[in-house]
Amino acid sequence: MMTDLDLITQTVEHYFKGMYHSDIERLKKAFHPDAFLFGHLKGNFMHVQAEAWFEMVKKRPAPAENGEKYDMRIVSIDITAEVASVKVADLYMGMRFTDYLTLLKIDDRWLIVNKAYHHD
């Protein structure tokens, strides 16, 4: 039987692999349909609903196909009952990101409901 930590890690892996391969179906396994993403991208404030972000990812060349090194990892996980905060570090489209993912356990599944990010 998988623990909550295992299930959260699995959700984050769907997120990582979905981005790396531009695999929208995999990203949909990680995100709640009403999730939002917030951050600054190249100096511009961004605020987008997950479904719109999926479309943006789909239109970009997949990092896996461009020869970008797979460099995505979980930095920390904090769980309180049915809510979790996961800090991750990832290389995406040549930029180093730090993402803060908020997950909720909904119907026995852990889903990302919010992503806030920064890149160097």
PDB file of N, CA and C in Angstrom:
ATOM      1  N   MET A   1       0.839  -1.189   0.000  1.00  0.00           N
ATOM      2  CA  MET A   1       0.000   0.000   0.000  1.00  0.00           C
ATOM      3  C   MET A   1       0.880   1.249   0.000  1.00  0.00           C
ATOM      4  N   MET A   2       0.536   2.186  -0.866  1.00  0.00           N
ATOM      5  CA  MET A   2       1.329   3.416  -0.972  1.00  0.00           C
ATOM      6  C   MET A   2       0.950   4.405   0.126  1.00  0.00           C
ATOM      7  N   THR A   3       1.958   5.046   0.693  1.00  0.00           N
ATOM      8  CA  THR A   3       1.730   6.066   1.702  1.00  0.00           C
ATOM      9  C   THR A   3       1.401   7.397   1.022  1.00  0.00           C
ATOM     10  N   ASP A   4       0.964   8.367   1.808  1.00  0.00           N
ATOM     11  CA  ASP A   4       0.726   9.704   1.253  1.00  0.00           C
ATOM     12  C   ASP A   4       2.009  10.271   0.647  1.00  0.00           C
ATOM     13  N   LEU A   5       3.132  10.034   1.291  1.00  0.00           N
ATOM     14  CA  LEU A   5       4.404  10.515   0.755  1.00  0.00           C
ATOM     15  C   LEU A   5       4.677   9.890  -0.617  1.00  0.00           C
ATOM     16  N   ASP A   6       4.422   8.593  -0.754  1.00  0.00           N
ATOM     17  CA  ASP A   6       4.592   7.916  -2.044  1.00  0.00           C
ATOM     18  C   ASP A   6       3.668   8.516  -3.104  1.00  0.00           C
ATOM     19  N   LEU A   7       2.417   8.757  -2.737  1.00  0.00           N
ATOM     20  CA  LEU A   7       1.434   9.284  -3.689  1.00  0.00           C
ATOM     21  C   LEU A   7       1.768  10.710  -4.110  1.00  0.00           C
ATOM     22  N   ILE A   8       2.236  11.510  -3.167  1.00  0.00           N
ATOM     23  CA  ILE A   8       2.654  12.883  -3.484  1.00  0.00           C
ATOM     24  C   ILE A   8       3.849  12.843  -4.435  1.00  0.00           C
ATOM     25  N   THR A   9       4.804  12.001  -4.132  1.00  0.00           N
ATOM     26  CA  THR A   9       5.986  11.861  -4.987  1.00  0.00           C
ATOM     27  C   THR A   9       5.567  11.417  -6.389  1.00  0.00           C
ATOM     28  N   GLN A  10       4.623  10.513  -6.482  1.00  0.00           N
ATOM     29  CA  GLN A  10       4.120  10.054  -7.777  1.00  0.00           C
ATOM     30  C   GLN A  10       3.481  11.205  -8.559  1.00  0.00           C
ATOM     31  N   THR A  11       2.696  12.026  -7.881  1.00  0.00           N
ATOM     32  CA  THR A  11       2.075  13.189  -8.534  1.00  0.00           C
ATOM     33  C   THR A  11       3.142  14.138  -9.063  1.00  0.00           C
ATOM     34  N   VAL A  12       4.150  14.413  -8.262  1.00  0.00           N
ATOM     35  CA  VAL A  12       5.218  15.316  -8.687  1.00  0.00           C
ATOM     36  C   VAL A  12       5.990  14.705  -9.857  1.00  0.00           C
ATOM     37  N   GLU A  13       6.176  13.403  -9.870  1.00  0.00           N
ATOM     38  CA  GLU A  13       6.843  12.749 -11.003  1.00  0.00           C
ATOM     39  C   GLU A  13       6.015  12.899 -12.281  1.00  0.00           C
ATOM     40  N   HIS A  14       4.689  12.816 -12.178  1.00  0.00           N
ATOM     41  CA  HIS A  14       3.831  13.078 -13.345  1.00  0.00           C
ATOM     42  C   HIS A  14       4.075  14.500 -13.852  1.00  0.00           C
ATOM     43  N   TYR A  15       4.188  15.431 -12.933  1.00  0.00           N
ATOM     44  CA  TYR A  15       4.459  16.827 -13.282  1.00  0.00           C
ATOM     45  C   TYR A  15       5.807  16.948 -14.008  1.00  0.00           C
ATOM     46  N   PHE A  16       6.864  16.376 -13.413  1.00  0.00           N
ATOM     47  CA  PHE A  16       8.191  16.443 -14.023  1.00  0.00           C
ATOM     48  C   PHE A  16       8.206  15.816 -15.413  1.00  0.00           C
ATOM     49  N   LYS A  17       7.730  14.590 -15.521  1.00  0.00           N
ATOM     50  CA  LYS A  17       7.773  13.875 -16.803  1.00  0.00           C
ATOM     51  C   LYS A  17       6.846  14.531 -17.825  1.00  0.00           C
ATOM     52  N   GLY A  18       5.725  15.064 -17.366  1.00  0.00           N
ATOM     53  CA  GLY A  18       4.820  15.769 -18.272  1.00  0.00           C
ATOM     54  C   GLY A  18       5.482  16.980 -18.899  1.00  0.00           C
ATOM     55  N   MET A  19       6.200  17.763 -18.088  1.00  0.00           N
ATOM     56  CA  MET A  19       6.908  18.925 -18.628  1.00  0.00           C
ATOM     57  C   MET A  19       8.043  18.496 -19.544  1.00  0.00           C
ATOM     58  N   TYR A  20       8.828  17.515 -19.110  1.00  0.00           N
ATOM     59  CA  TYR A  20      10.010  17.117 -19.860  1.00  0.00           C
ATOM     60  C   TYR A  20       9.660  16.561 -21.243  1.00  0.00           C
ATOM     61  N   HIS A  21       8.536  15.864 -21.320  1.00  0.00           N
ATOM     62  CA  HIS A  21       8.127  15.247 -22.582  1.00  0.00           C
ATOM     63  C   HIS A  21       6.990  16.007 -23.272  1.00  0.00           C
ATOM     64  N   SER A  22       6.592  17.170 -22.715  1.00  0.00           N
ATOM     65  CA  SER A  22       5.419  17.915 -23.223  1.00  0.00           C
ATOM     66  C   SER A  22       4.218  16.984 -23.339  1.00  0.00           C
ATOM     67  N   ASP A  23       4.027  16.166 -22.319  1.00  0.00           N
ATOM     68  CA  ASP A  23       2.970  15.159 -22.262  1.00  0.00           C
ATOM     69  C   ASP A  23       1.794  15.705 -21.447  1.00  0.00           C
ATOM     70  N   ILE A  24       0.825  16.232 -22.139  1.00  0.00           N
ATOM     71  CA  ILE A  24      -0.313  16.892 -21.479  1.00  0.00           C
ATOM     72  C   ILE A  24      -1.124  15.908 -20.642  1.00  0.00           C
ATOM     73  N   GLU A  25      -1.303  14.694 -21.127  1.00  0.00           N
ATOM     74  CA  GLU A  25      -2.067  13.700 -20.366  1.00  0.00           C
ATOM     75  C   GLU A  25      -1.392  13.403 -19.032  1.00  0.00           C
ATOM     76  N   ARG A  26      -0.087  13.376 -19.022  1.00  0.00           N
ATOM     77  CA  ARG A  26       0.645  13.154 -17.775  1.00  0.00           C
ATOM     78  C   ARG A  26       0.492  14.359 -16.846  1.00  0.00           C
ATOM     79  N   LEU A  27       0.538  15.571 -17.413  1.00  0.00           N
ATOM     80  CA  LEU A  27       0.327  16.768 -16.595  1.00  0.00           C
ATOM     81  C   LEU A  27      -1.069  16.784 -15.987  1.00  0.00           C
ATOM     82  N   LYS A  28      -2.049  16.321 -16.743  1.00  0.00           N
ATOM     83  CA  LYS A  28      -3.433  16.286 -16.233  1.00  0.00           C
ATOM     84  C   LYS A  28      -3.579  15.317 -15.064  1.00  0.00           C
ATOM     85  N   LYS A  29      -2.698  14.326 -14.969  1.00  0.00           N
ATOM     86  CA  LYS A  29      -2.708  13.413 -13.826  1.00  0.00           C
ATOM     87  C   LYS A  29      -2.189  14.107 -12.573  1.00  0.00           C
ATOM     88  N   ALA A  30      -1.400  15.176 -12.765  1.00  0.00           N
ATOM     89  CA  ALA A  30      -0.778  15.866 -11.633  1.00  0.00           C
ATOM     90  C   ALA A  30      -1.598  17.047 -11.127  1.00  0.00           C
ATOM     91  N   PHE A  31      -2.328  17.727 -12.019  1.00  0.00           N
ATOM     92  CA  PHE A  31      -3.004  18.980 -11.669  1.00  0.00           C
ATOM     93  C   PHE A  31      -4.508  18.817 -11.532  1.00  0.00           C
ATOM     94  N   HIS A  32      -5.060  19.519 -10.573  1.00  0.00           N
ATOM     95  CA  HIS A  32      -6.512  19.668 -10.483  1.00  0.00           C
ATOM     96  C   HIS A  32      -6.938  20.527 -11.671  1.00  0.00           C
ATOM     97  N   PRO A  33      -8.090  20.235 -12.284  1.00  0.00           N
ATOM     98  CA  PRO A  33      -8.510  21.014 -13.465  1.00  0.00           C
ATOM     99  C   PRO A  33      -8.656  22.515 -13.205  1.00  0.00           C
ATOM    100  N   ASP A  34      -8.890  22.913 -11.960  1.00  0.00           N
ATOM    101  CA  ASP A  34      -9.061  24.332 -11.636  1.00  0.00           C
ATOM    102  C   ASP A  34      -7.803  24.962 -11.046  1.00  0.00           C
ATOM    103  N   ALA A  35      -6.677  24.283 -11.156  1.00  0.00           N
ATOM    104  CA  ALA A  35      -5.423  24.802 -10.599  1.00  0.00           C
ATOM    105  C   ALA A  35      -4.977  26.069 -11.329  1.00  0.00           C
ATOM    106  N   PHE A  36      -4.205  26.880 -10.627  1.00  0.00           N
ATOM    107  CA  PHE A  36      -3.618  28.089 -11.205  1.00  0.00           C
ATOM    108  C   PHE A  36      -2.111  28.074 -11.008  1.00  0.00           C
ATOM    109  N   LEU A  37      -1.423  28.759 -11.903  1.00  0.00           N
ATOM    110  CA  LEU A  37       0.021  28.911 -11.841  1.00  0.00           C
ATOM    111  C   LEU A  37       0.338  30.402 -11.786  1.00  0.00           C
ATOM    112  N   PHE A  38       1.253  30.780 -10.903  1.00  0.00           N
ATOM    113  CA  PHE A  38       1.648  32.168 -10.710  1.00  0.00           C
ATOM    114  C   PHE A  38       3.163  32.267 -10.695  1.00  0.00           C
ATOM    115  N   GLY A  39       3.694  33.323 -11.246  1.00  0.00           N
ATOM    116  CA  GLY A  39       5.128  33.544 -11.157  1.00  0.00           C
ATOM    117  C   GLY A  39       5.574  34.656 -12.073  1.00  0.00           C
ATOM    118  N   HIS A  40       6.859  34.831 -12.128  1.00  0.00           N
ATOM    119  CA  HIS A  40       7.471  35.803 -13.027  1.00  0.00           C
ATOM    120  C   HIS A  40       8.303  35.033 -14.040  1.00  0.00           C
ATOM    121  N   LEU A  41       8.010  35.222 -15.301  1.00  0.00           N
ATOM    122  CA  LEU A  41       8.746  34.566 -16.369  1.00  0.00           C
ATOM    123  C   LEU A  41       9.439  35.634 -17.190  1.00  0.00           C
ATOM    124  N   LYS A  42      10.764  35.598 -17.162  1.00  0.00           N
ATOM    125  CA  LYS A  42      11.579  36.584 -17.878  1.00  0.00           C
ATOM    126  C   LYS A  42      11.161  38.015 -17.534  1.00  0.00           C
ATOM    127  N   GLY A  43      10.881  38.231 -16.231  1.00  0.00           N
ATOM    128  CA  GLY A  43      10.547  39.562 -15.751  1.00  0.00           C
ATOM    129  C   GLY A  43       9.082  39.944 -15.848  1.00  0.00           C
ATOM    130  N   ASN A  44       8.253  39.093 -16.443  1.00  0.00           N
ATOM    131  CA  ASN A  44       6.825  39.398 -16.587  1.00  0.00           C
ATOM    132  C   ASN A  44       6.000  38.549 -15.641  1.00  0.00           C
ATOM    133  N   PHE A  45       5.084  39.200 -14.906  1.00  0.00           N
ATOM    134  CA  PHE A  45       4.187  38.466 -14.018  1.00  0.00           C
ATOM    135  C   PHE A  45       3.243  37.615 -14.852  1.00  0.00           C
ATOM    136  N   MET A  46       3.129  36.349 -14.469  1.00  0.00           N
ATOM    137  CA  MET A  46       2.256  35.414 -15.181  1.00  0.00           C
ATOM    138  C   MET A  46       1.231  34.848 -14.211  1.00  0.00           C
ATOM    139  N   HIS A  47       0.029  34.696 -14.683  1.00  0.00           N
ATOM    140  CA  HIS A  47      -1.068  34.103 -13.923  1.00  0.00           C
ATOM    141  C   HIS A  47      -1.929  33.367 -14.934  1.00  0.00           C
ATOM    142  N   VAL A  48      -1.940  32.040 -14.839  1.00  0.00           N
ATOM    143  CA  VAL A  48      -2.648  31.269 -15.859  1.00  0.00           C
ATOM    144  C   VAL A  48      -3.318  30.049 -15.229  1.00  0.00           C
ATOM    145  N   GLN A  49      -4.469  29.702 -15.748  1.00  0.00           N
ATOM    146  CA  GLN A  49      -5.191  28.506 -15.320  1.00  0.00           C
ATOM    147  C   GLN A  49      -4.493  27.293 -15.931  1.00  0.00           C
ATOM    148  N   ALA A  50      -4.534  26.164 -15.247  1.00  0.00           N
ATOM    149  CA  ALA A  50      -3.788  24.979 -15.669  1.00  0.00           C
ATOM    150  C   ALA A  50      -4.093  24.576 -17.112  1.00  0.00           C
ATOM    151  N   GLU A  51      -5.343  24.565 -17.498  1.00  0.00           N
ATOM    152  CA  GLU A  51      -5.706  24.137 -18.854  1.00  0.00           C
ATOM    153  C   GLU A  51      -5.043  25.014 -19.917  1.00  0.00           C
ATOM    154  N   ALA A  52      -4.988  26.311 -19.677  1.00  0.00           N
ATOM    155  CA  ALA A  52      -4.314  27.215 -20.615  1.00  0.00           C
ATOM    156  C   ALA A  52      -2.813  26.946 -20.625  1.00  0.00           C
ATOM    157  N   TRP A  53      -2.238  26.628 -19.474  1.00  0.00           N
ATOM    158  CA  TRP A  53      -0.815  26.308 -19.405  1.00  0.00           C
ATOM    159  C   TRP A  53      -0.513  25.024 -20.164  1.00  0.00           C
ATOM    160  N   PHE A  54      -1.416  24.027 -20.058  1.00  0.00           N
ATOM    161  CA  PHE A  54      -1.221  22.780 -20.806  1.00  0.00           C
ATOM    162  C   PHE A  54      -1.088  23.082 -22.300  1.00  0.00           C
ATOM    163  N   GLU A  55      -1.916  23.979 -22.798  1.00  0.00           N
ATOM    164  CA  GLU A  55      -1.868  24.335 -24.223  1.00  0.00           C
ATOM    165  C   GLU A  55      -0.535  25.003 -24.577  1.00  0.00           C
ATOM    166  N   MET A  56      -0.026  25.818 -23.660  1.00  0.00           N
ATOM    167  CA  MET A  56       1.269  26.464 -23.887  1.00  0.00           C
ATOM    168  C   MET A  56       2.384  25.410 -23.938  1.00  0.00           C
ATOM    169  N   VAL A  57       2.337  24.456 -23.013  1.00  0.00           N
ATOM    170  CA  VAL A  57       3.347  23.397 -22.969  1.00  0.00           C
ATOM    171  C   VAL A  57       3.291  22.564 -24.246  1.00  0.00           C
ATOM    172  N   LYS A  58       2.077  22.270 -24.698  1.00  0.00           N
ATOM    173  CA  LYS A  58       1.891  21.446 -25.894  1.00  0.00           C
ATOM    174  C   LYS A  58       2.530  22.094 -27.128  1.00  0.00           C
ATOM    175  N   LYS A  59       2.519  23.413 -27.183  1.00  0.00           N
ATOM    176  CA  LYS A  59       3.045  24.132 -28.346  1.00  0.00           C
ATOM    177  C   LYS A  59       4.568  24.288 -28.318  1.00  0.00           C
ATOM    178  N   ARG A  60       5.173  24.071 -27.162  1.00  0.00           N
ATOM    179  CA  ARG A  60       6.625  24.208 -27.041  1.00  0.00           C
ATOM    180  C   ARG A  60       7.304  22.900 -27.442  1.00  0.00           C
ATOM    181  N   PRO A  61       8.519  22.998 -27.963  1.00  0.00           N
ATOM    182  CA  PRO A  61       9.273  21.771 -28.212  1.00  0.00           C
ATOM    183  C   PRO A  61       9.560  21.068 -26.884  1.00  0.00           C
ATOM    184  N   ALA A  62       9.400  19.763 -26.850  1.00  0.00           N
ATOM    185  CA  ALA A  62       9.656  19.003 -25.619  1.00  0.00           C
ATOM    186  C   ALA A  62      11.143  19.059 -25.280  1.00  0.00           C
ATOM    187  N   PRO A  63      11.486  19.389 -24.039  1.00  0.00           N
ATOM    188  CA  PRO A  63      12.897  19.398 -23.647  1.00  0.00           C
ATOM    189  C   PRO A  63      13.594  18.065 -23.943  1.00  0.00           C
ATOM    190  N   ALA A  64      12.874  16.954 -23.786  1.00  0.00           N
ATOM    191  CA  ALA A  64      13.453  15.632 -24.049  1.00  0.00           C
ATOM    192  C   ALA A  64      13.883  15.499 -25.506  1.00  0.00           C
ATOM    193  N   GLU A  65      13.133  16.101 -26.406  1.00  0.00           N
ATOM    194  CA  GLU A  65      13.435  16.005 -27.833  1.00  0.00           C
ATOM    195  C   GLU A  65      14.515  17.007 -28.259  1.00  0.00           C
ATOM    196  N   ASN A  66      14.734  18.029 -27.449  1.00  0.00           N
ATOM    197  CA  ASN A  66      15.752  19.040 -27.752  1.00  0.00           C
ATOM    198  C   ASN A  66      17.098  18.720 -27.129  1.00  0.00           C
ATOM    199  N   GLY A  67      17.186  17.586 -26.477  1.00  0.00           N
ATOM    200  CA  GLY A  67      18.446  17.189 -25.866  1.00  0.00           C
ATOM    201  C   GLY A  67      18.729  17.834 -24.520  1.00  0.00           C
ATOM    202  N   GLU A  68      17.727  18.513 -23.944  1.00  0.00           N
ATOM    203  CA  GLU A  68      17.937  19.116 -22.629  1.00  0.00           C
ATOM    204  C   GLU A  68      18.083  18.012 -21.586  1.00  0.00           C
ATOM    205  N   LYS A  69      19.048  18.170 -20.718  1.00  0.00           N
ATOM    206  CA  LYS A  69      19.290  17.219 -19.638  1.00  0.00           C
ATOM    207  C   LYS A  69      18.068  17.171 -18.718  1.00  0.00           C
ATOM    208  N   TYR A  70      17.698  15.970 -18.262  1.00  0.00           N
ATOM    209  CA  TYR A  70      16.619  15.831 -17.279  1.00  0.00           C
ATOM    210  C   TYR A  70      17.211  16.168 -15.923  1.00  0.00           C
ATOM    211  N   ASP A  71      16.782  17.301 -15.372  1.00  0.00           N
ATOM    212  CA  ASP A  71      17.301  17.775 -14.095  1.00  0.00           C
ATOM    213  C   ASP A  71      16.139  18.349 -13.299  1.00  0.00           C
ATOM    214  N   MET A  72      15.372  17.468 -12.700  1.00  0.00           N
ATOM    215  CA  MET A  72      14.202  17.859 -11.914  1.00  0.00           C
ATOM    216  C   MET A  72      14.214  17.041 -10.635  1.00  0.00           C
ATOM    217  N   ARG A  73      14.026  17.728  -9.508  1.00  0.00           N
ATOM    218  CA  ARG A  73      14.093  17.001  -8.240  1.00  0.00           C
ATOM    219  C   ARG A  73      13.220  17.661  -7.181  1.00  0.00           C
ATOM    220  N   ILE A  74      12.800  16.853  -6.247  1.00  0.00           N
ATOM    221  CA  ILE A  74      12.063  17.342  -5.087  1.00  0.00           C
ATOM    222  C   ILE A  74      13.081  17.828  -4.065  1.00  0.00           C
ATOM    223  N   VAL A  75      12.871  19.037  -3.569  1.00  0.00           N
ATOM    224  CA  VAL A  75      13.744  19.612  -2.548  1.00  0.00           C
ATOM    225  C   VAL A  75      13.195  19.303  -1.162  1.00  0.00           C
ATOM    226  N   SER A  76      11.878  19.494  -0.987  1.00  0.00           N
ATOM    227  CA  SER A  76      11.264  19.227   0.313  1.00  0.00           C
ATOM    228  C   SER A  76       9.766  18.969   0.150  1.00  0.00           C
ATOM    229  N   ILE A  77       9.237  18.225   1.115  1.00  0.00           N
ATOM    230  CA  ILE A  77       7.800  17.946   1.167  1.00  0.00           C
ATOM    231  C   ILE A  77       7.344  18.157   2.596  1.00  0.00           C
ATOM    232  N   ASP A  78       6.260  18.911   2.753  1.00  0.00           N
ATOM    233  CA  ASP A  78       5.660  19.152   4.064  1.00  0.00           C
ATOM    234  C   ASP A  78       4.192  18.751   3.959  1.00  0.00           C
ATOM    235  N   ILE A  79       3.758  17.809   4.807  1.00  0.00           N
ATOM    236  CA  ILE A  79       2.391  17.291   4.749  1.00  0.00           C
ATOM    237  C   ILE A  79       1.693  17.560   6.075  1.00  0.00           C
ATOM    238  N   THR A  80       0.481  18.093   5.989  1.00  0.00           N
ATOM    239  CA  THR A  80      -0.391  18.238   7.144  1.00  0.00           C
ATOM    240  C   THR A  80      -1.756  17.705   6.743  1.00  0.00           C
ATOM    241  N   ALA A  81      -2.089  16.536   7.275  1.00  0.00           N
ATOM    242  CA  ALA A  81      -3.373  15.888   6.976  1.00  0.00           C
ATOM    243  C   ALA A  81      -3.560  15.731   5.464  1.00  0.00           C
ATOM    244  N   GLU A  82      -4.469  16.473   4.867  1.00  0.00           N
ATOM    245  CA  GLU A  82      -4.774  16.317   3.441  1.00  0.00           C
ATOM    246  C   GLU A  82      -4.299  17.493   2.597  1.00  0.00           C
ATOM    247  N   VAL A  83      -3.285  18.199   3.084  1.00  0.00           N
ATOM    248  CA  VAL A  83      -2.672  19.290   2.319  1.00  0.00           C
ATOM    249  C   VAL A  83      -1.157  19.113   2.376  1.00  0.00           C
ATOM    250  N   ALA A  84      -0.499  19.450   1.281  1.00  0.00           N
ATOM    251  CA  ALA A  84       0.955  19.319   1.244  1.00  0.00           C
ATOM    252  C   ALA A  84       1.563  20.477   0.467  1.00  0.00           C
ATOM    253  N   SER A  85       2.773  20.813   0.834  1.00  0.00           N
ATOM    254  CA  SER A  85       3.556  21.812   0.124  1.00  0.00           C
ATOM    255  C   SER A  85       4.843  21.128  -0.331  1.00  0.00           C
ATOM    256  N   VAL A  86       5.118  21.228  -1.626  1.00  0.00           N
ATOM    257  CA  VAL A  86       6.302  20.575  -2.185  1.00  0.00           C
ATOM    258  C   VAL A  86       7.140  21.632  -2.892  1.00  0.00           C
ATOM    259  N   LYS A  87       8.396  21.708  -2.494  1.00  0.00           N
ATOM    260  CA  LYS A  87       9.347  22.600  -3.172  1.00  0.00           C
ATOM    261  C   LYS A  87      10.160  21.742  -4.125  1.00  0.00           C
ATOM    262  N   VAL A  88      10.222  22.168  -5.391  1.00  0.00           N
ATOM    263  CA  VAL A  88      10.989  21.424  -6.381  1.00  0.00           C
ATOM    264  C   VAL A  88      11.962  22.355  -7.097  1.00  0.00           C
ATOM    265  N   ALA A  89      13.001  21.767  -7.645  1.00  0.00           N
ATOM    266  CA  ALA A  89      13.961  22.486  -8.483  1.00  0.00           C
ATOM    267  C   ALA A  89      13.967  21.784  -9.827  1.00  0.00           C
ATOM    268  N   ASP A  90      13.884  22.558 -10.896  1.00  0.00           N
ATOM    269  CA  ASP A  90      13.864  21.923 -12.205  1.00  0.00           C
ATOM    270  C   ASP A  90      14.502  22.802 -13.267  1.00  0.00           C
ATOM    271  N   LEU A  91      15.050  22.114 -14.262  1.00  0.00           N
ATOM    272  CA  LEU A  91      15.571  22.751 -15.455  1.00  0.00           C
ATOM    273  C   LEU A  91      14.496  22.587 -16.514  1.00  0.00           C
ATOM    274  N   TYR A  92      14.054  23.707 -17.086  1.00  0.00           N
ATOM    275  CA  TYR A  92      12.994  23.643 -18.099  1.00  0.00           C
ATOM    276  C   TYR A  92      13.238  24.737 -19.122  1.00  0.00           C
ATOM    277  N   MET A  93      13.386  24.339 -20.373  1.00  0.00           N
ATOM    278  CA  MET A  93      13.615  25.281 -21.467  1.00  0.00           C
ATOM    279  C   MET A  93      14.854  26.151 -21.205  1.00  0.00           C
ATOM    280  N   GLY A  94      15.877  25.516 -20.644  1.00  0.00           N
ATOM    281  CA  GLY A  94      17.129  26.211 -20.398  1.00  0.00           C
ATOM    282  C   GLY A  94      17.133  27.131 -19.194  1.00  0.00           C
ATOM    283  N   MET A  95      16.067  27.143 -18.423  1.00  0.00           N
ATOM    284  CA  MET A  95      15.983  28.001 -17.240  1.00  0.00           C
ATOM    285  C   MET A  95      15.880  27.141 -15.990  1.00  0.00           C
ATOM    286  N   ARG A  96      16.532  27.589 -14.925  1.00  0.00           N
ATOM    287  CA  ARG A  96      16.453  26.911 -13.628  1.00  0.00           C
ATOM    288  C   ARG A  96      15.294  27.498 -12.834  1.00  0.00           C
ATOM    289  N   PHE A  97      14.351  26.645 -12.485  1.00  0.00           N
ATOM    290  CA  PHE A  97      13.163  27.067 -11.745  1.00  0.00           C
ATOM    291  C   PHE A  97      13.173  26.503 -10.334  1.00  0.00           C
ATOM    292  N   THR A  98      12.585  27.263  -9.429  1.00  0.00           N
ATOM    293  CA  THR A  98      12.170  26.779  -8.123  1.00  0.00           C
ATOM    294  C   THR A  98      10.662  26.925  -8.107  1.00  0.00           C
ATOM    295  N   ASP A  99       9.971  25.804  -7.897  1.00  0.00           N
ATOM    296  CA  ASP A  99       8.509  25.799  -7.862  1.00  0.00           C
ATOM    297  C   ASP A  99       8.041  25.439  -6.468  1.00  0.00           C
ATOM    298  N   TYR A 100       6.986  26.095  -6.044  1.00  0.00           N
ATOM    299  CA  TYR A 100       6.309  25.750  -4.806  1.00  0.00           C
ATOM    300  C   TYR A 100       4.935  25.230  -5.211  1.00  0.00           C
ATOM    301  N   LEU A 101       4.723  23.943  -4.984  1.00  0.00           N
ATOM    302  CA  LEU A 101       3.485  23.285  -5.385  1.00  0.00           C
ATOM    303  C   LEU A 101       2.626  23.040  -4.150  1.00  0.00           C
ATOM    304  N   THR A 102       1.365  23.447  -4.221  1.00  0.00           N
ATOM    305  CA  THR A 102       0.406  23.139  -3.166  1.00  0.00           C
ATOM    306  C   THR A 102      -0.456  22.000  -3.669  1.00  0.00           C
ATOM    307  N   LEU A 103      -0.523  20.926  -2.884  1.00  0.00           N
ATOM    308  CA  LEU A 103      -1.318  19.763  -3.257  1.00  0.00           C
ATOM    309  C   LEU A 103      -2.402  19.524  -2.223  1.00  0.00           C
ATOM    310  N   LEU A 104      -3.520  19.008  -2.680  1.00  0.00           N
ATOM    311  CA  LEU A 104      -4.614  18.586  -1.798  1.00  0.00           C
ATOM    312  C   LEU A 104      -4.941  17.139  -2.106  1.00  0.00           C
ATOM    313  N   LYS A 105      -5.329  16.412  -1.074  1.00  0.00           N
ATOM    314  CA  LYS A 105      -5.790  15.045  -1.268  1.00  0.00           C
ATOM    315  C   LYS A 105      -7.296  15.103  -1.516  1.00  0.00           C
ATOM    316  N   ILE A 106      -7.686  14.709  -2.709  1.00  0.00           N
ATOM    317  CA  ILE A 106      -9.092  14.773  -3.130  1.00  0.00           C
ATOM    318  C   ILE A 106      -9.470  13.388  -3.640  1.00  0.00           C
ATOM    319  N   ASP A 107     -10.459  12.780  -3.017  1.00  0.00           N
ATOM    320  CA  ASP A 107     -10.893  11.430  -3.421  1.00  0.00           C
ATOM    321  C   ASP A 107      -9.712  10.468  -3.495  1.00  0.00           C
ATOM    322  N   ASP A 108      -8.882  10.489  -2.466  1.00  0.00           N
ATOM    323  CA  ASP A 108      -7.720   9.602  -2.341  1.00  0.00           C
ATOM    324  C   ASP A 108      -6.620   9.837  -3.367  1.00  0.00           C
ATOM    325  N   ARG A 109      -6.666  10.971  -4.067  1.00  0.00           N
ATOM    326  CA  ARG A 109      -5.611  11.335  -5.022  1.00  0.00           C
ATOM    327  C   ARG A 109      -5.008  12.667  -4.588  1.00  0.00           C
ATOM    328  N   TRP A 110      -3.695  12.778  -4.687  1.00  0.00           N
ATOM    329  CA  TRP A 110      -3.011  14.037  -4.416  1.00  0.00           C
ATOM    330  C   TRP A 110      -2.875  14.797  -5.723  1.00  0.00           C
ATOM    331  N   LEU A 111      -3.398  16.022  -5.767  1.00  0.00           N
ATOM    332  CA  LEU A 111      -3.361  16.836  -6.973  1.00  0.00           C
ATOM    333  C   LEU A 111      -2.790  18.215  -6.673  1.00  0.00           C
ATOM    334  N   ILE A 112      -2.054  18.751  -7.629  1.00  0.00           N
ATOM    335  CA  ILE A 112      -1.530  20.113  -7.514  1.00  0.00           C
ATOM    336  C   ILE A 112      -2.684  21.079  -7.758  1.00  0.00           C
ATOM    337  N   VAL A 113      -2.927  21.969  -6.796  1.00  0.00           N
ATOM    338  CA  VAL A 113      -3.995  22.961  -6.937  1.00  0.00           C
ATOM    339  C   VAL A 113      -3.437  24.361  -7.183  1.00  0.00           C
ATOM    340  N   ASN A 114      -2.131  24.527  -6.932  1.00  0.00           N
ATOM    341  CA  ASN A 114      -1.495  25.827  -7.117  1.00  0.00           C
ATOM    342  C   ASN A 114      -0.001  25.627  -7.334  1.00  0.00           C
ATOM    343  N   LYS A 115       0.537  26.423  -8.244  1.00  0.00           N
ATOM    344  CA  LYS A 115       1.989  26.427  -8.465  1.00  0.00           C
ATOM    345  C   LYS A 115       2.449  27.872  -8.472  1.00  0.00           C
ATOM    346  N   ALA A 116       3.438  28.171  -7.658  1.00  0.00           N
ATOM    347  CA  ALA A 116       4.101  29.471  -7.680  1.00  0.00           C
ATOM    348  C   ALA A 116       5.564  29.200  -8.002  1.00  0.00           C
ATOM    349  N   TYR A 117       6.144  30.013  -8.888  1.00  0.00           N
ATOM    350  CA  TYR A 117       7.486  29.698  -9.359  1.00  0.00           C
ATOM    351  C   TYR A 117       8.357  30.932  -9.509  1.00  0.00           C
ATOM    352  N   HIS A 118       9.673  30.650  -9.519  1.00  0.00           N
ATOM    353  CA  HIS A 118      10.706  31.651  -9.747  1.00  0.00           C
ATOM    354  C   HIS A 118      11.755  30.994 -10.630  1.00  0.00           C
ATOM    355  N   HIS A 119      12.382  31.762 -11.494  1.00  0.00           N
ATOM    356  CA  HIS A 119      13.509  31.215 -12.263  1.00  0.00           C
ATOM    357  C   HIS A 119      14.693  32.170 -12.206  1.00  0.00           C
ATOM    358  N   ASP A 120      15.861  31.566 -12.315  1.00  0.00           N
ATOM    359  CA  ASP A 120      17.108  32.346 -12.311  1.00  0.00           C
ATOM    360  C   ASP A 120      17.467  32.743 -13.718  1.00  0.00           C
TER     361      ASP A 120
END
